[in-house]
């Protein structure tokens, strides 16, 4: 009788399923990988008490040392990240829960600027990175324990949306437009609860998207434009969110606009 069972014990079939990377990365496990990407981020966000977020989108190409217009957008995103973190609740958890924590796509540009503003205010912030053919590096300002990397855009979008108390969209390209219209569609179809949405830089957005033409062609209703507002500076972006219903958990003695009670 044979006594050597190495063929059996060394077979990929014999390897524990949880340790078998070839099996886990196969087609049949795609649903499990979706679940894992959901569960990992969910567990860490709960451990940090992140109950709600303010999501900031925008171009990865805006830089603090870039051309004047891109530099201005970067500065405004930085200012907004700082203002929202100081006044929204990220610095002052209630019952162990943090509200209105800045959340971005975790990369460079506008994302970096918003994370940086939060970090320099002393608040945590979230970076939801995505794995790309040309690898996107996480910026250095998102909280390390809240810096995630996703393979699936769908799961990344879900995490960006599911805790969002508000959305601020800075100028950007295809990715920014994709994220913006995803949220607008969820709101238009009432698949997402009401949340304030601000488009930063009216001139940019009204040049890039002809909202009036969409109405004229009969593909949206005029009331659909009430889903969002415009702002041209960080302070106005913040006060617009508050005016449209954002609940800010400010430190004792302060109002949501930053003034003293």
C-alpha atoms as a PDB file:
ATOM      1  CA  UNK A   1       0.000   0.000   0.000  1.00  0.00           C
ATOM      2  CA  UNK A   2       1.352   3.513  -0.776  1.00  0.00           C
ATOM      3  CA  UNK A   3       2.553   5.442   2.283  1.00  0.00           C
ATOM      4  CA  UNK A   4       3.373   8.800   0.681  1.00  0.00           C
ATOM      5  CA  UNK A   5       0.383  11.163   0.688  1.00  0.00           C
ATOM      6  CA  UNK A   6       2.345  14.220  -0.491  1.00  0.00           C
ATOM      7  CA  UNK A   7       0.376  14.332  -3.755  1.00  0.00           C
ATOM      8  CA  UNK A   8      -2.796  14.762  -1.746  1.00  0.00           C
ATOM      9  CA  UNK A   9      -1.477  17.104   0.965  1.00  0.00           C
ATOM     10  CA  UNK A  10       0.285  19.363  -1.549  1.00  0.00           C
ATOM     11  CA  UNK A  11      -2.644  19.574  -3.950  1.00  0.00           C
ATOM     12  CA  UNK A  12      -4.288  23.009  -4.317  1.00  0.00           C
ATOM     13  CA  UNK A  13      -7.599  21.260  -3.605  1.00  0.00           C
ATOM     14  CA  UNK A  14      -6.348  20.365  -0.105  1.00  0.00           C
ATOM     15  CA  UNK A  15      -5.358  23.935   0.776  1.00  0.00           C
ATOM     16  CA  UNK A  16      -7.657  25.764   3.173  1.00  0.00           C
ATOM     17  CA  UNK A  17     -10.066  27.828   1.094  1.00  0.00           C
ATOM     18  CA  UNK A  18      -9.358  31.003   3.073  1.00  0.00           C
ATOM     19  CA  UNK A  19      -5.632  30.686   2.281  1.00  0.00           C
ATOM     20  CA  UNK A  20      -5.980  29.714  -1.375  1.00  0.00           C
ATOM     21  CA  UNK A  21      -5.344  32.951  -3.271  1.00  0.00           C
ATOM     22  CA  UNK A  22      -5.857  31.352  -6.689  1.00  0.00           C
ATOM     23  CA  UNK A  23      -9.293  30.148  -5.591  1.00  0.00           C
ATOM     24  CA  UNK A  24     -10.216  33.460  -3.926  1.00  0.00           C
ATOM     25  CA  UNK A  25      -9.234  35.419  -7.025  1.00  0.00           C
ATOM     26  CA  UNK A  26     -11.171  33.166  -9.391  1.00  0.00           C
ATOM     27  CA  UNK A  27     -14.407  34.015 -11.176  1.00  0.00           C
ATOM     28  CA  UNK A  28     -16.616  31.993  -8.842  1.00  0.00           C
ATOM     29  CA  UNK A  29     -15.510  34.056  -5.824  1.00  0.00           C
ATOM     30  CA  UNK A  30     -16.299  37.494  -7.267  1.00  0.00           C
ATOM     31  CA  UNK A  31     -19.306  37.858  -4.950  1.00  0.00           C
ATOM     32  CA  UNK A  32     -17.151  36.958  -1.955  1.00  0.00           C
ATOM     33  CA  UNK A  33     -14.579  39.562  -2.965  1.00  0.00           C
ATOM     34  CA  UNK A  34     -17.373  42.145  -3.127  1.00  0.00           C
ATOM     35  CA  UNK A  35     -18.346  41.168   0.397  1.00  0.00           C
ATOM     36  CA  UNK A  36     -14.750  41.368   1.635  1.00  0.00           C
ATOM     37  CA  UNK A  37     -14.295  44.860   0.202  1.00  0.00           C
ATOM     38  CA  UNK A  38     -17.490  45.944   1.901  1.00  0.00           C
ATOM     39  CA  UNK A  39     -16.714  44.302   5.254  1.00  0.00           C
ATOM     40  CA  UNK A  40     -13.101  45.411   5.673  1.00  0.00           C
ATOM     41  CA  UNK A  41     -13.828  49.114   5.264  1.00  0.00           C
ATOM     42  CA  UNK A  42     -17.056  48.844   7.256  1.00  0.00           C
ATOM     43  CA  UNK A  43     -15.271  47.273  10.218  1.00  0.00           C
ATOM     44  CA  UNK A  44     -12.591  49.956  10.413  1.00  0.00           C
ATOM     45  CA  UNK A  45     -15.013  52.838   9.920  1.00  0.00           C
ATOM     46  CA  UNK A  46     -17.128  51.519  12.780  1.00  0.00           C
ATOM     47  CA  UNK A  47     -14.054  51.059  14.980  1.00  0.00           C
ATOM     48  CA  UNK A  48     -13.269  54.751  14.463  1.00  0.00           C
ATOM     49  CA  UNK A  49     -16.873  55.731  15.126  1.00  0.00           C
ATOM     50  CA  UNK A  50     -17.323  57.308  11.680  1.00  0.00           C
ATOM     51  CA  UNK A  51     -21.089  57.635  11.576  1.00  0.00           C
ATOM     52  CA  UNK A  52     -21.358  60.125   8.709  1.00  0.00           C
ATOM     53  CA  UNK A  53     -19.139  61.839   6.161  1.00  0.00           C
ATOM     54  CA  UNK A  54     -18.913  64.835   3.871  1.00  0.00           C
ATOM     55  CA  UNK A  55     -17.716  63.516   0.532  1.00  0.00           C
ATOM     56  CA  UNK A  56     -15.416  65.686  -1.574  1.00  0.00           C
ATOM     57  CA  UNK A  57     -14.779  64.881  -5.251  1.00  0.00           C
ATOM     58  CA  UNK A  58     -12.612  66.711  -7.771  1.00  0.00           C
ATOM     59  CA  UNK A  59      -9.721  66.565 -10.172  1.00  0.00           C
ATOM     60  CA  UNK A  60      -6.597  64.602  -9.289  1.00  0.00           C
ATOM     61  CA  UNK A  61      -4.644  67.104 -11.411  1.00  0.00           C
ATOM     62  CA  UNK A  62      -5.160  70.157  -9.207  1.00  0.00           C
ATOM     63  CA  UNK A  63      -1.964  70.940  -7.316  1.00  0.00           C
ATOM     64  CA  UNK A  64      -0.815  73.507  -4.790  1.00  0.00           C
ATOM     65  CA  UNK A  65       1.974  74.476  -7.213  1.00  0.00           C
ATOM     66  CA  UNK A  66      -0.044  74.129 -10.426  1.00  0.00           C
ATOM     67  CA  UNK A  67      -1.487  76.711 -12.846  1.00  0.00           C
ATOM     68  CA  UNK A  68      -3.419  79.524 -11.138  1.00  0.00           C
ATOM     69  CA  UNK A  69      -6.928  78.128 -11.657  1.00  0.00           C
ATOM     70  CA  UNK A  70      -5.997  74.613 -10.531  1.00  0.00           C
ATOM     71  CA  UNK A  71      -4.068  76.078  -7.617  1.00  0.00           C
ATOM     72  CA  UNK A  72      -7.134  78.091  -6.561  1.00  0.00           C
ATOM     73  CA  UNK A  73      -9.299  74.961  -6.610  1.00  0.00           C
ATOM     74  CA  UNK A  74      -6.713  73.118  -4.501  1.00  0.00           C
ATOM     75  CA  UNK A  75      -6.651  75.947  -1.948  1.00  0.00           C
ATOM     76  CA  UNK A  76     -10.456  76.076  -1.773  1.00  0.00           C
ATOM     77  CA  UNK A  77     -10.668  72.302  -1.224  1.00  0.00           C
ATOM     78  CA  UNK A  78      -8.074  72.612   1.534  1.00  0.00           C
ATOM     79  CA  UNK A  79     -10.017  75.461   3.153  1.00  0.00           C
ATOM     80  CA  UNK A  80     -13.259  73.509   2.931  1.00  0.00           C
ATOM     81  CA  UNK A  81     -11.716  70.374   4.458  1.00  0.00           C
ATOM     82  CA  UNK A  82     -10.452  72.433   7.374  1.00  0.00           C
ATOM     83  CA  UNK A  83     -13.724  74.357   7.898  1.00  0.00           C
ATOM     84  CA  UNK A  84     -15.908  71.234   7.708  1.00  0.00           C
ATOM     85  CA  UNK A  85     -13.645  69.348  10.102  1.00  0.00           C
ATOM     86  CA  UNK A  86     -13.561  72.170  12.638  1.00  0.00           C
ATOM     87  CA  UNK A  87     -17.303  72.861  12.555  1.00  0.00           C
ATOM     88  CA  UNK A  88     -18.964  69.617  11.486  1.00  0.00           C
ATOM     89  CA  UNK A  89     -18.264  67.207  14.328  1.00  0.00           C
ATOM     90  CA  UNK A  90     -15.203  65.229  13.235  1.00  0.00           C
ATOM     91  CA  UNK A  91     -13.201  66.852  16.032  1.00  0.00           C
ATOM     92  CA  UNK A  92     -15.915  66.415  18.670  1.00  0.00           C
ATOM     93  CA  UNK A  93     -17.323  62.877  18.736  1.00  0.00           C
ATOM     94  CA  UNK A  94     -20.643  62.493  20.543  1.00  0.00           C
ATOM     95  CA  UNK A  95     -21.064  59.197  22.363  1.00  0.00           C
ATOM     96  CA  UNK A  96     -18.043  57.868  20.501  1.00  0.00           C
ATOM     97  CA  UNK A  97     -19.538  58.743  17.090  1.00  0.00           C
ATOM     98  CA  UNK A  98     -17.960  61.182  14.632  1.00  0.00           C
ATOM     99  CA  UNK A  99     -20.118  63.035  12.132  1.00  0.00           C
ATOM    100  CA  UNK A 100     -19.303  64.867   8.917  1.00  0.00           C
ATOM    101  CA  UNK A 101     -15.838  63.338   8.578  1.00  0.00           C
ATOM    102  CA  UNK A 102     -14.172  64.359   5.315  1.00  0.00           C
ATOM    103  CA  UNK A 103     -14.088  61.436   2.843  1.00  0.00           C
ATOM    104  CA  UNK A 104     -12.383  61.525  -0.546  1.00  0.00           C
ATOM    105  CA  UNK A 105     -11.118  59.197  -3.241  1.00  0.00           C
ATOM    106  CA  UNK A 106      -7.824  59.179  -1.358  1.00  0.00           C
ATOM    107  CA  UNK A 107      -5.576  60.257  -4.233  1.00  0.00           C
ATOM    108  CA  UNK A 108      -3.824  63.485  -5.237  1.00  0.00           C
ATOM    109  CA  UNK A 109      -5.224  66.857  -6.276  1.00  0.00           C
ATOM    110  CA  UNK A 110      -8.556  67.945  -4.818  1.00  0.00           C
ATOM    111  CA  UNK A 111      -8.694  64.740  -2.781  1.00  0.00           C
ATOM    112  CA  UNK A 112      -5.325  65.476  -1.198  1.00  0.00           C
ATOM    113  CA  UNK A 113      -6.325  69.057  -0.499  1.00  0.00           C
ATOM    114  CA  UNK A 114      -9.512  68.122   1.377  1.00  0.00           C
ATOM    115  CA  UNK A 115      -7.738  65.402   3.374  1.00  0.00           C
ATOM    116  CA  UNK A 116      -4.951  67.877   4.122  1.00  0.00           C
ATOM    117  CA  UNK A 117      -7.361  70.498   5.419  1.00  0.00           C
ATOM    118  CA  UNK A 118      -8.891  67.920   7.747  1.00  0.00           C
ATOM    119  CA  UNK A 119      -5.489  66.676   8.935  1.00  0.00           C
ATOM    120  CA  UNK A 120      -4.210  70.175   9.673  1.00  0.00           C
ATOM    121  CA  UNK A 121      -7.381  70.845  11.661  1.00  0.00           C
ATOM    122  CA  UNK A 122      -6.480  67.786  13.747  1.00  0.00           C
ATOM    123  CA  UNK A 123      -9.380  65.676  12.501  1.00  0.00           C
ATOM    124  CA  UNK A 124      -9.445  62.196  10.975  1.00  0.00           C
ATOM    125  CA  UNK A 125     -10.407  61.821   7.335  1.00  0.00           C
ATOM    126  CA  UNK A 126     -11.108  58.920   4.998  1.00  0.00           C
ATOM    127  CA  UNK A 127      -9.426  57.965   1.729  1.00  0.00           C
ATOM    128  CA  UNK A 128     -11.264  55.492  -0.526  1.00  0.00           C
ATOM    129  CA  UNK A 129      -8.572  54.646  -3.074  1.00  0.00           C
ATOM    130  CA  UNK A 130      -9.088  52.517  -6.176  1.00  0.00           C
ATOM    131  CA  UNK A 131      -6.704  50.069  -7.807  1.00  0.00           C
ATOM    132  CA  UNK A 132      -5.899  51.292 -11.329  1.00  0.00           C
ATOM    133  CA  UNK A 133      -3.683  50.078 -14.207  1.00  0.00           C
ATOM    134  CA  UNK A 134      -1.426  53.057 -13.483  1.00  0.00           C
ATOM    135  CA  UNK A 135      -1.363  52.627  -9.729  1.00  0.00           C
ATOM    136  CA  UNK A 136      -2.875  55.466  -7.715  1.00  0.00           C
ATOM    137  CA  UNK A 137      -0.864  56.214  -4.603  1.00  0.00           C
ATOM    138  CA  UNK A 138      -2.694  57.328  -1.440  1.00  0.00           C
ATOM    139  CA  UNK A 139      -2.026  60.887  -0.414  1.00  0.00           C
ATOM    140  CA  UNK A 140      -0.173  61.420   2.858  1.00  0.00           C
ATOM    141  CA  UNK A 141      -2.989  63.301   4.611  1.00  0.00           C
ATOM    142  CA  UNK A 142      -5.802  60.739   4.939  1.00  0.00           C
ATOM    143  CA  UNK A 143      -5.790  58.953   8.289  1.00  0.00           C
ATOM    144  CA  UNK A 144      -3.675  55.796   7.767  1.00  0.00           C
ATOM    145  CA  UNK A 145      -6.166  53.534   9.526  1.00  0.00           C
ATOM    146  CA  UNK A 146      -8.947  54.978   7.344  1.00  0.00           C
ATOM    147  CA  UNK A 147      -7.079  54.706   4.035  1.00  0.00           C
ATOM    148  CA  UNK A 148      -8.563  51.914   1.934  1.00  0.00           C
ATOM    149  CA  UNK A 149      -7.917  50.401  -1.476  1.00  0.00           C
ATOM    150  CA  UNK A 150     -10.664  48.889  -3.615  1.00  0.00           C
ATOM    151  CA  UNK A 151     -10.623  46.801  -6.760  1.00  0.00           C
ATOM    152  CA  UNK A 152     -14.305  47.341  -7.596  1.00  0.00           C
ATOM    153  CA  UNK A 153     -15.532  50.822  -8.458  1.00  0.00           C
ATOM    154  CA  UNK A 154     -19.046  49.735  -7.468  1.00  0.00           C
ATOM    155  CA  UNK A 155     -18.041  48.914  -3.892  1.00  0.00           C
ATOM    156  CA  UNK A 156     -15.962  52.070  -3.608  1.00  0.00           C
ATOM    157  CA  UNK A 157     -18.963  54.126  -4.752  1.00  0.00           C
ATOM    158  CA  UNK A 158     -21.182  52.362  -2.250  1.00  0.00           C
ATOM    159  CA  UNK A 159     -18.867  53.250   0.631  1.00  0.00           C
ATOM    160  CA  UNK A 160     -18.582  56.837  -0.573  1.00  0.00           C
ATOM    161  CA  UNK A 161     -22.363  57.171  -0.705  1.00  0.00           C
ATOM    162  CA  UNK A 162     -23.670  55.156   2.220  1.00  0.00           C
ATOM    163  CA  UNK A 163     -22.441  57.448   5.037  1.00  0.00           C
ATOM    164  CA  UNK A 164     -22.609  60.715   3.115  1.00  0.00           C
ATOM    165  CA  UNK A 165     -24.329  63.592   4.900  1.00  0.00           C
ATOM    166  CA  UNK A 166     -23.332  65.957   2.089  1.00  0.00           C
ATOM    167  CA  UNK A 167     -21.443  66.130  -1.184  1.00  0.00           C
ATOM    168  CA  UNK A 168     -19.122  68.869  -2.445  1.00  0.00           C
ATOM    169  CA  UNK A 169     -17.961  68.446  -6.033  1.00  0.00           C
ATOM    170  CA  UNK A 170     -15.000  70.462  -7.251  1.00  0.00           C
ATOM    171  CA  UNK A 171     -14.094  70.754 -10.939  1.00  0.00           C
ATOM    172  CA  UNK A 172     -12.848  67.521 -12.427  1.00  0.00           C
ATOM    173  CA  UNK A 173     -12.891  65.181 -15.393  1.00  0.00           C
ATOM    174  CA  UNK A 174     -14.541  61.876 -16.266  1.00  0.00           C
ATOM    175  CA  UNK A 175     -14.182  60.360 -12.793  1.00  0.00           C
ATOM    176  CA  UNK A 176     -15.637  63.416 -11.094  1.00  0.00           C
ATOM    177  CA  UNK A 177     -18.541  63.563 -13.538  1.00  0.00           C
ATOM    178  CA  UNK A 178     -19.174  59.856 -13.005  1.00  0.00           C
ATOM    179  CA  UNK A 179     -19.348  60.244  -9.226  1.00  0.00           C
ATOM    180  CA  UNK A 180     -21.488  63.389  -9.422  1.00  0.00           C
ATOM    181  CA  UNK A 181     -24.117  61.932 -11.730  1.00  0.00           C
ATOM    182  CA  UNK A 182     -24.179  58.700  -9.743  1.00  0.00           C
ATOM    183  CA  UNK A 183     -25.283  60.647  -6.651  1.00  0.00           C
ATOM    184  CA  UNK A 184     -27.634  62.917  -8.595  1.00  0.00           C
ATOM    185  CA  UNK A 185     -29.310  59.848 -10.105  1.00  0.00           C
ATOM    186  CA  UNK A 186     -29.714  58.262  -6.669  1.00  0.00           C
ATOM    187  CA  UNK A 187     -31.310  61.480  -5.412  1.00  0.00           C
ATOM    188  CA  UNK A 188     -33.497  62.016  -8.478  1.00  0.00           C
ATOM    189  CA  UNK A 189     -34.856  58.467  -8.190  1.00  0.00           C
ATOM    190  CA  UNK A 190     -35.087  58.713  -4.373  1.00  0.00           C
ATOM    191  CA  UNK A 191     -32.782  55.731  -3.961  1.00  0.00           C
ATOM    192  CA  UNK A 192     -30.757  57.895  -1.566  1.00  0.00           C
ATOM    193  CA  UNK A 193     -32.090  60.072   1.251  1.00  0.00           C
ATOM    194  CA  UNK A 194     -32.031  63.858   0.872  1.00  0.00           C
ATOM    195  CA  UNK A 195     -28.560  65.344   1.220  1.00  0.00           C
ATOM    196  CA  UNK A 196     -27.153  68.754   0.310  1.00  0.00           C
ATOM    197  CA  UNK A 197     -25.016  68.829  -2.836  1.00  0.00           C
ATOM    198  CA  UNK A 198     -22.765  71.758  -3.753  1.00  0.00           C
ATOM    199  CA  UNK A 199     -20.953  72.198  -7.072  1.00  0.00           C
ATOM    200  CA  UNK A 200     -17.877  74.344  -6.555  1.00  0.00           C
ATOM    201  CA  UNK A 201     -17.143  77.056  -9.169  1.00  0.00           C
ATOM    202  CA  UNK A 202     -20.353  77.941 -10.967  1.00  0.00           C
ATOM    203  CA  UNK A 203     -18.464  79.126 -14.054  1.00  0.00           C
ATOM    204  CA  UNK A 204     -16.842  75.742 -14.528  1.00  0.00           C
ATOM    205  CA  UNK A 205     -19.967  73.653 -14.043  1.00  0.00           C
ATOM    206  CA  UNK A 206     -22.262  75.769 -16.199  1.00  0.00           C
ATOM    207  CA  UNK A 207     -19.690  75.643 -19.025  1.00  0.00           C
ATOM    208  CA  UNK A 208     -19.014  71.913 -18.758  1.00  0.00           C
ATOM    209  CA  UNK A 209     -22.628  70.762 -18.253  1.00  0.00           C
ATOM    210  CA  UNK A 210     -25.438  72.546 -20.090  1.00  0.00           C
ATOM    211  CA  UNK A 211     -28.146  71.950 -17.520  1.00  0.00           C
ATOM    212  CA  UNK A 212     -30.577  74.265 -19.307  1.00  0.00           C
ATOM    213  CA  UNK A 213     -30.202  72.230 -22.504  1.00  0.00           C
ATOM    214  CA  UNK A 214     -31.182  69.081 -20.611  1.00  0.00           C
ATOM    215  CA  UNK A 215     -34.383  70.843 -19.558  1.00  0.00           C
ATOM    216  CA  UNK A 216     -35.023  72.206 -23.051  1.00  0.00           C
ATOM    217  CA  UNK A 217     -34.650  68.724 -24.536  1.00  0.00           C
ATOM    218  CA  UNK A 218     -37.142  67.345 -22.027  1.00  0.00           C
ATOM    219  CA  UNK A 219     -34.789  64.768 -20.469  1.00  0.00           C
ATOM    220  CA  UNK A 220     -34.901  66.304 -16.981  1.00  0.00           C
ATOM    221  CA  UNK A 221     -37.358  68.533 -15.134  1.00  0.00           C
ATOM    222  CA  UNK A 222     -36.499  72.021 -13.916  1.00  0.00           C
ATOM    223  CA  UNK A 223     -37.079  70.850 -10.368  1.00  0.00           C
ATOM    224  CA  UNK A 224     -34.161  68.451 -10.822  1.00  0.00           C
ATOM    225  CA  UNK A 225     -31.851  71.469 -10.681  1.00  0.00           C
ATOM    226  CA  UNK A 226     -33.008  71.976  -7.111  1.00  0.00           C
ATOM    227  CA  UNK A 227     -30.978  68.898  -6.149  1.00  0.00           C
ATOM    228  CA  UNK A 228     -27.827  71.025  -5.963  1.00  0.00           C
ATOM    229  CA  UNK A 229     -26.436  74.502  -5.392  1.00  0.00           C
ATOM    230  CA  UNK A 230     -23.308  76.335  -6.520  1.00  0.00           C
ATOM    231  CA  UNK A 231     -20.575  77.940  -4.436  1.00  0.00           C
ATOM    232  CA  UNK A 232     -17.472  79.907  -5.355  1.00  0.00           C
ATOM    233  CA  UNK A 233     -15.575  79.867  -2.072  1.00  0.00           C
ATOM    234  CA  UNK A 234     -15.111  77.427   0.798  1.00  0.00           C
ATOM    235  CA  UNK A 235     -17.072  79.436   3.341  1.00  0.00           C
ATOM    236  CA  UNK A 236     -20.094  79.670   1.038  1.00  0.00           C
ATOM    237  CA  UNK A 237     -19.874  75.944   0.342  1.00  0.00           C
ATOM    238  CA  UNK A 238     -20.070  75.247   4.073  1.00  0.00           C
ATOM    239  CA  UNK A 239     -22.887  77.688   4.843  1.00  0.00           C
ATOM    240  CA  UNK A 240     -24.858  76.360   1.869  1.00  0.00           C
ATOM    241  CA  UNK A 241     -24.631  72.819   3.218  1.00  0.00           C
ATOM    242  CA  UNK A 242     -25.878  74.006   6.604  1.00  0.00           C
ATOM    243  CA  UNK A 243     -28.681  76.041   5.004  1.00  0.00           C
ATOM    244  CA  UNK A 244     -29.763  72.979   3.049  1.00  0.00           C
ATOM    245  CA  UNK A 245     -30.029  70.852   6.171  1.00  0.00           C
ATOM    246  CA  UNK A 246     -26.597  69.576   7.158  1.00  0.00           C
ATOM    247  CA  UNK A 247     -26.581  68.985  10.916  1.00  0.00           C
ATOM    248  CA  UNK A 248     -23.268  70.187  12.346  1.00  0.00           C
ATOM    249  CA  UNK A 249     -22.129  68.992  15.762  1.00  0.00           C
ATOM    250  CA  UNK A 250     -19.990  71.937  16.753  1.00  0.00           C
ATOM    251  CA  UNK A 251     -17.852  72.284  19.887  1.00  0.00           C
ATOM    252  CA  UNK A 252     -19.568  73.925  22.885  1.00  0.00           C
ATOM    253  CA  UNK A 253     -19.822  77.678  22.502  1.00  0.00           C
ATOM    254  CA  UNK A 254     -19.644  77.749  18.696  1.00  0.00           C
ATOM    255  CA  UNK A 255     -22.222  78.010  15.933  1.00  0.00           C
ATOM    256  CA  UNK A 256     -22.011  75.958  12.726  1.00  0.00           C
ATOM    257  CA  UNK A 257     -20.722  79.078  10.916  1.00  0.00           C
ATOM    258  CA  UNK A 258     -17.737  79.222  13.277  1.00  0.00           C
ATOM    259  CA  UNK A 259     -18.893  82.278  15.255  1.00  0.00           C
ATOM    260  CA  UNK A 260     -19.217  82.271  19.027  1.00  0.00           C
ATOM    261  CA  UNK A 261     -22.589  81.813  20.700  1.00  0.00           C
END
